Protein backbone atom coordinates (compact mmCIF):
# COMPACT_ATOMS: atom_id res chain seq x y z
CA MET A 1 -16.83 -10.21 14.17
CA ASN A 2 -15.11 -9.01 17.37
CA ILE A 3 -11.61 -7.35 17.53
CA GLN A 4 -9.81 -6.69 20.80
CA VAL A 5 -6.74 -4.74 21.17
CA LEU A 6 -4.46 -6.62 23.47
CA ILE A 7 -1.46 -4.47 22.91
CA GLU A 8 -0.85 -0.97 21.25
CA ASN A 9 1.35 1.95 22.14
CA THR A 10 -1.22 3.67 24.18
CA GLY A 11 -4.03 2.81 26.49
CA PRO A 12 -5.47 2.97 30.05
CA ALA A 13 -3.26 2.78 33.15
CA SER A 14 -5.19 -0.38 34.16
CA LEU A 15 -3.59 -2.22 31.25
CA ARG A 16 -0.11 -2.63 30.07
CA THR A 17 1.23 -0.86 26.90
CA GLU A 18 4.29 -0.91 24.77
CA HIS A 19 5.34 -0.07 21.34
CA GLY A 20 3.80 -3.18 19.51
CA LEU A 21 0.68 -4.45 18.46
CA SER A 22 -1.52 -7.56 19.21
CA LEU A 23 -5.13 -8.24 18.32
CA TYR A 24 -7.56 -11.11 19.40
CA ILE A 25 -10.03 -11.65 16.58
CA GLN A 26 -13.09 -13.73 17.19
CA THR A 27 -14.84 -14.81 13.92
CA GLU A 28 -17.51 -17.30 13.03
CA GLY A 29 -14.73 -19.44 12.04
CA GLY A 30 -12.69 -19.52 15.15
CA ALA A 31 -10.30 -17.21 17.32
CA ILE A 32 -7.34 -15.63 15.76
CA LEU A 33 -4.18 -13.93 17.53
CA PHE A 34 -2.81 -11.34 15.17
CA ASP A 35 0.71 -10.57 16.26
CA MET A 36 2.00 -10.91 19.90
CA GLY A 37 3.70 -7.51 20.65
CA GLN A 38 7.28 -7.18 22.17
CA THR A 39 6.65 -9.23 25.40
CA SER A 40 4.20 -11.39 27.13
CA ALA A 41 2.28 -8.24 28.00
CA PHE A 42 -0.31 -9.07 25.43
CA ALA A 43 -1.22 -12.22 27.49
CA GLU A 44 -1.46 -10.26 30.78
CA ASN A 45 -3.92 -7.76 29.10
CA ALA A 46 -5.88 -10.71 27.53
CA GLN A 47 -6.46 -12.19 30.88
CA ALA A 48 -7.70 -8.82 32.20
CA LEU A 49 -9.77 -8.36 29.19
CA GLY A 50 -11.33 -11.88 29.28
CA ALA A 51 -9.81 -13.08 25.85
CA ASP A 52 -8.57 -16.73 26.37
CA ILE A 53 -5.32 -17.23 24.66
CA SER A 54 -5.23 -20.97 25.15
CA ALA A 55 -8.45 -21.25 23.11
CA VAL A 56 -6.85 -19.34 20.11
CA ASP A 57 -7.46 -21.50 16.77
CA ALA A 58 -4.75 -19.75 14.67
CA ALA A 59 -1.99 -17.15 15.22
CA VAL A 60 -0.56 -15.03 12.62
CA LEU A 61 2.66 -13.19 12.67
CA SER A 62 2.32 -10.08 10.28
CA HIS A 63 6.15 -9.72 9.74
CA GLY A 64 9.50 -10.15 11.44
CA HIS A 65 9.92 -7.25 13.76
CA TYR A 66 10.41 -7.48 17.43
CA ASP A 67 7.28 -5.39 18.13
CA HIS A 68 4.89 -7.87 16.63
CA GLY A 69 6.62 -11.21 17.42
CA GLY A 70 8.43 -10.65 20.52
CA GLY A 71 5.71 -12.45 22.55
CA LEU A 72 5.85 -15.62 20.26
CA ASP A 73 7.53 -17.71 22.82
CA ALA A 74 4.85 -16.65 25.52
CA PHE A 75 2.04 -17.56 23.11
CA LEU A 76 3.50 -21.12 22.48
CA VAL A 77 3.63 -21.72 26.15
CA LEU A 78 0.08 -20.60 26.72
CA ASN A 79 -1.48 -22.20 23.74
CA ALA A 80 -0.60 -25.75 23.22
CA ARG A 81 -2.24 -26.42 19.86
CA ALA A 82 -2.76 -23.50 17.56
CA PRO A 83 -0.41 -23.21 14.54
CA VAL A 84 1.41 -20.11 13.84
CA TYR A 85 1.39 -18.74 10.37
CA LEU A 86 4.32 -16.64 9.20
CA SER A 87 6.53 -15.95 6.40
CA PRO A 88 9.62 -18.06 6.08
CA ALA A 89 11.61 -14.68 5.68
CA ALA A 90 10.23 -13.60 9.19
CA PHE A 91 13.46 -14.81 11.01
CA ALA A 92 15.71 -13.22 8.53
CA PRO A 93 18.03 -10.28 9.87
CA HIS A 94 16.19 -7.03 10.07
CA PHE A 95 17.72 -3.59 11.16
CA ALA A 96 16.37 0.00 11.62
CA GLN A 97 18.23 2.88 9.94
CA ASP A 98 20.44 3.40 12.99
CA GLY A 99 21.56 -0.03 12.96
CA ARG A 100 19.42 -1.36 15.79
CA ASP A 101 18.43 -5.03 15.53
CA ILE A 102 14.67 -5.13 15.13
CA GLY A 103 14.42 -8.71 14.14
CA ILE A 104 13.10 -11.77 15.94
CA ARG A 105 14.47 -15.20 16.62
CA PRO A 106 12.98 -18.72 16.05
CA PRO A 107 11.13 -19.80 19.21
CA ALA A 108 12.85 -21.96 21.73
CA LYS A 109 10.00 -24.48 21.62
CA GLY A 110 7.12 -25.17 19.26
CA LEU A 111 9.05 -24.99 15.89
CA SER A 112 6.70 -27.76 14.61
CA ARG A 113 3.60 -25.50 14.97
CA LEU A 114 5.27 -23.02 12.61
CA ARG A 115 3.35 -22.85 9.23
CA TYR A 116 4.38 -21.09 6.04
CA PRO A 117 1.17 -20.44 4.07
CA VAL A 118 1.02 -20.32 0.21
CA GLU A 119 -0.60 -17.12 -1.24
CA GLY A 120 -4.19 -16.89 -0.39
CA GLU A 121 -4.22 -19.84 1.95
CA GLU A 122 -7.48 -20.22 4.17
CA ILE A 123 -6.31 -20.74 7.64
CA LEU A 124 -9.82 -20.85 9.09
CA PRO A 125 -13.22 -20.46 7.41
CA GLY A 126 -13.35 -17.05 5.96
CA ALA A 127 -9.83 -16.15 6.83
CA ARG A 128 -7.02 -16.06 4.15
CA LEU A 129 -3.41 -14.73 4.16
CA TYR A 130 -1.62 -12.86 1.44
CA THR A 131 1.90 -11.49 0.98
CA CYS A 132 1.34 -9.81 -2.40
CA ASN A 133 5.02 -10.30 -3.13
CA GLU A 134 4.39 -11.01 -6.76
CA ARG A 135 1.98 -8.04 -7.31
CA ASN A 136 2.91 -4.80 -8.74
CA ARG A 137 3.49 -1.94 -6.37
CA PRO A 138 1.68 1.07 -8.00
CA TYR A 139 2.68 3.55 -5.35
CA VAL A 140 6.08 4.40 -3.98
CA TYR A 141 6.67 3.25 -0.45
CA ASP A 142 9.20 4.34 2.04
CA ALA A 143 11.40 1.68 3.87
CA ALA A 144 12.23 4.39 6.29
CA GLY A 145 15.90 3.33 6.21
CA MET A 146 15.20 -0.22 7.31
CA TYR A 147 17.25 -2.93 5.96
CA THR A 148 18.30 -6.65 5.81
CA LEU A 149 21.35 -8.55 4.97
CA THR A 150 21.95 -10.12 1.48
CA GLN A 151 25.07 -12.33 1.20
CA GLY A 152 26.08 -10.40 4.51
CA ARG A 153 25.93 -7.02 2.78
CA PRO A 154 23.19 -4.45 3.97
CA ALA A 155 20.32 -4.12 1.50
CA SER A 156 16.92 -2.17 1.86
CA ASP A 157 14.11 -4.20 3.15
CA ASN A 158 11.41 -4.95 0.62
CA PHE A 159 9.35 -6.41 3.30
CA CYS A 160 8.74 -9.65 1.54
CA HIS A 161 8.25 -11.14 5.18
CA GLU A 162 5.13 -9.00 5.56
CA GLN A 163 1.61 -10.55 5.11
CA TYR A 164 -1.98 -9.40 5.44
CA LEU A 165 -5.05 -11.25 6.89
CA LEU A 166 -8.22 -10.88 4.85
CA LEU A 167 -11.52 -11.81 6.75
CA GLN A 168 -14.75 -12.12 4.95
CA GLU A 169 -17.85 -12.36 7.12
CA GLY A 170 -21.40 -11.00 7.00
CA GLY A 171 -20.86 -9.68 3.58
CA LYS A 172 -17.98 -7.54 4.58
CA ARG A 173 -14.31 -7.70 3.55
CA VAL A 174 -12.17 -6.86 6.77
CA LEU A 175 -8.33 -6.54 6.15
CA ILE A 176 -5.83 -6.78 9.02
CA SER A 177 -2.39 -5.15 8.31
CA GLY A 178 0.31 -5.06 10.99
CA CYS A 179 2.35 -2.13 9.85
CA SER A 180 1.62 -1.70 6.02
CA HIS A 181 5.44 -1.56 5.20
CA LYS A 182 4.72 -2.31 1.58
CA GLY A 183 2.79 0.86 1.62
CA ILE A 184 -0.82 1.62 2.70
CA LEU A 185 -1.72 2.90 -0.71
CA ASN A 186 -0.53 -0.31 -2.41
CA ILE A 187 -2.44 -2.31 0.07
CA MET A 188 -5.68 -0.59 -0.49
CA ALA A 189 -5.11 -0.78 -4.36
CA TRP A 190 -4.73 -4.73 -3.94
CA PHE A 191 -7.60 -5.46 -1.67
CA HIS A 192 -10.33 -2.62 -1.71
CA PRO A 193 -11.50 -3.75 1.79
CA ASP A 194 -14.74 -2.52 3.46
CA ILE A 195 -12.74 -2.08 6.69
CA LEU A 196 -9.07 -1.82 7.15
CA VAL A 197 -7.49 -2.32 10.75
CA GLY A 198 -3.71 -1.70 11.27
CA GLY A 199 -0.78 0.68 11.32
CA PHE A 200 0.14 2.89 8.32
CA HIS A 201 3.83 3.20 9.28
CA PHE A 202 3.90 6.90 8.91
CA MET A 203 5.38 7.80 12.29
CA HIS A 204 8.57 8.96 10.72
CA LEU A 205 6.83 11.69 8.62
CA ASP A 206 6.49 15.26 9.85
CA PRO A 207 3.30 16.88 8.94
CA ALA A 208 4.93 20.22 9.37
CA GLY A 209 8.06 19.25 7.19
CA ALA A 210 8.89 17.04 4.26
CA GLY A 211 6.05 14.51 5.45
CA ARG A 212 3.38 16.85 4.52
CA GLU A 213 3.34 16.09 0.93
CA PRO A 214 3.23 12.28 1.07
CA LEU A 215 0.69 12.66 3.89
CA GLU A 216 -1.61 14.81 1.64
CA GLU A 217 -1.31 12.37 -1.15
CA ALA A 218 -2.20 9.53 1.35
CA ALA A 219 -5.24 11.48 2.56
CA ARG A 220 -6.48 12.20 -0.84
CA ILE A 221 -6.27 8.66 -2.04
CA LEU A 222 -7.46 6.85 0.96
CA GLY A 223 -10.58 9.18 0.92
CA GLN A 224 -11.47 8.08 -2.56
CA TYR A 225 -12.31 4.51 -1.05
CA PRO A 226 -15.54 3.73 0.84
CA THR A 227 -13.35 1.88 3.32
CA ARG A 228 -13.61 2.47 7.18
CA TYR A 229 -10.08 2.77 8.71
CA TYR A 230 -8.97 1.81 12.24
CA THR A 231 -5.52 2.64 12.70
CA CYS A 232 -2.90 2.46 15.47
CA HIS A 233 0.60 1.66 16.46
CA CYS A 234 3.11 2.95 13.79
CA THR A 235 1.03 5.59 12.20
CA GLY A 236 2.28 8.21 14.70
CA ALA A 237 0.20 10.79 16.55
CA GLY A 238 1.01 13.61 14.38
CA PRO A 239 0.47 11.83 11.16
CA TYR A 240 -2.80 10.56 12.52
CA ALA A 241 -4.01 13.95 13.50
CA PHE A 242 -3.15 15.28 9.98
CA LEU A 243 -5.07 12.35 8.32
CA LYS A 244 -8.10 12.62 10.70
CA ALA A 245 -8.49 16.28 9.74
CA ARG A 246 -9.03 15.25 6.28
CA LEU A 247 -10.73 11.79 6.40
CA GLY A 248 -13.05 12.83 9.38
CA HIS A 249 -15.33 9.93 10.49
CA LYS A 250 -13.59 7.41 7.97
CA LEU A 251 -10.64 7.38 10.29
CA GLU A 252 -10.46 6.26 13.92
CA TYR A 253 -7.64 5.37 16.39
CA LEU A 254 -7.28 2.20 18.30
CA THR A 255 -5.68 1.77 21.66
CA THR A 256 -5.01 -1.21 24.06
CA GLY A 257 -8.11 -2.64 25.54
CA GLN A 258 -10.35 -1.13 22.89
CA ALA A 259 -12.97 -3.52 21.18
CA LEU A 260 -14.45 -3.41 17.87
CA ARG A 261 -17.65 -5.08 16.84
CA LEU A 262 -17.89 -5.29 13.05
């Protein structure tokens, strides 16, 4: 299994970067595009990196935020056949704490290619999607002030639109999570993967302030698993450094253009 980071917040000057995430995943069962960043930048980087977007067999939108699904229209133009798997709640209104619209809109074309998977649906051999919406959340998670609208009134986002991609290949369980909004500790409790790739959404936590306690708890619990973690995007530089000091070789950071061979 190979994973190529097409878009992340950071990276070399030779590639485009933006606050967002897009991963090109090559498995024995086929090629998967996981998220599409804010813009078409993921596709420009894909061309530079030799990843053929037109040959993608399935695309996954992890949740309905602009920095993961903003490039959806571009993908549908560049790839004429692959279905796009997403939650039916992905196009619901989503807002940041300060009122900014952070949602996405239905694509201008290609609506017939959108798929709303059932829990645990296999989208390619060895690749399944889960929302875990009906599972208990044993750990407190922080919505960071993000909200949606229920009957026209603001309501804290429970992230029912977020889904996770579980890949099983070569005796390994690899979990891909865009932002882990439902809580990275809950996600680990649900899946116990051998490898986890994705953001932890700790960027709003200050390790030198009130964020220290939840980060200490996260480091302690994450360290109890034999899992290797490859994080990125919404984890935040400060929280990553804090966790890295405690988790050591178990935790690495991914940047635009980087490749993982698992």
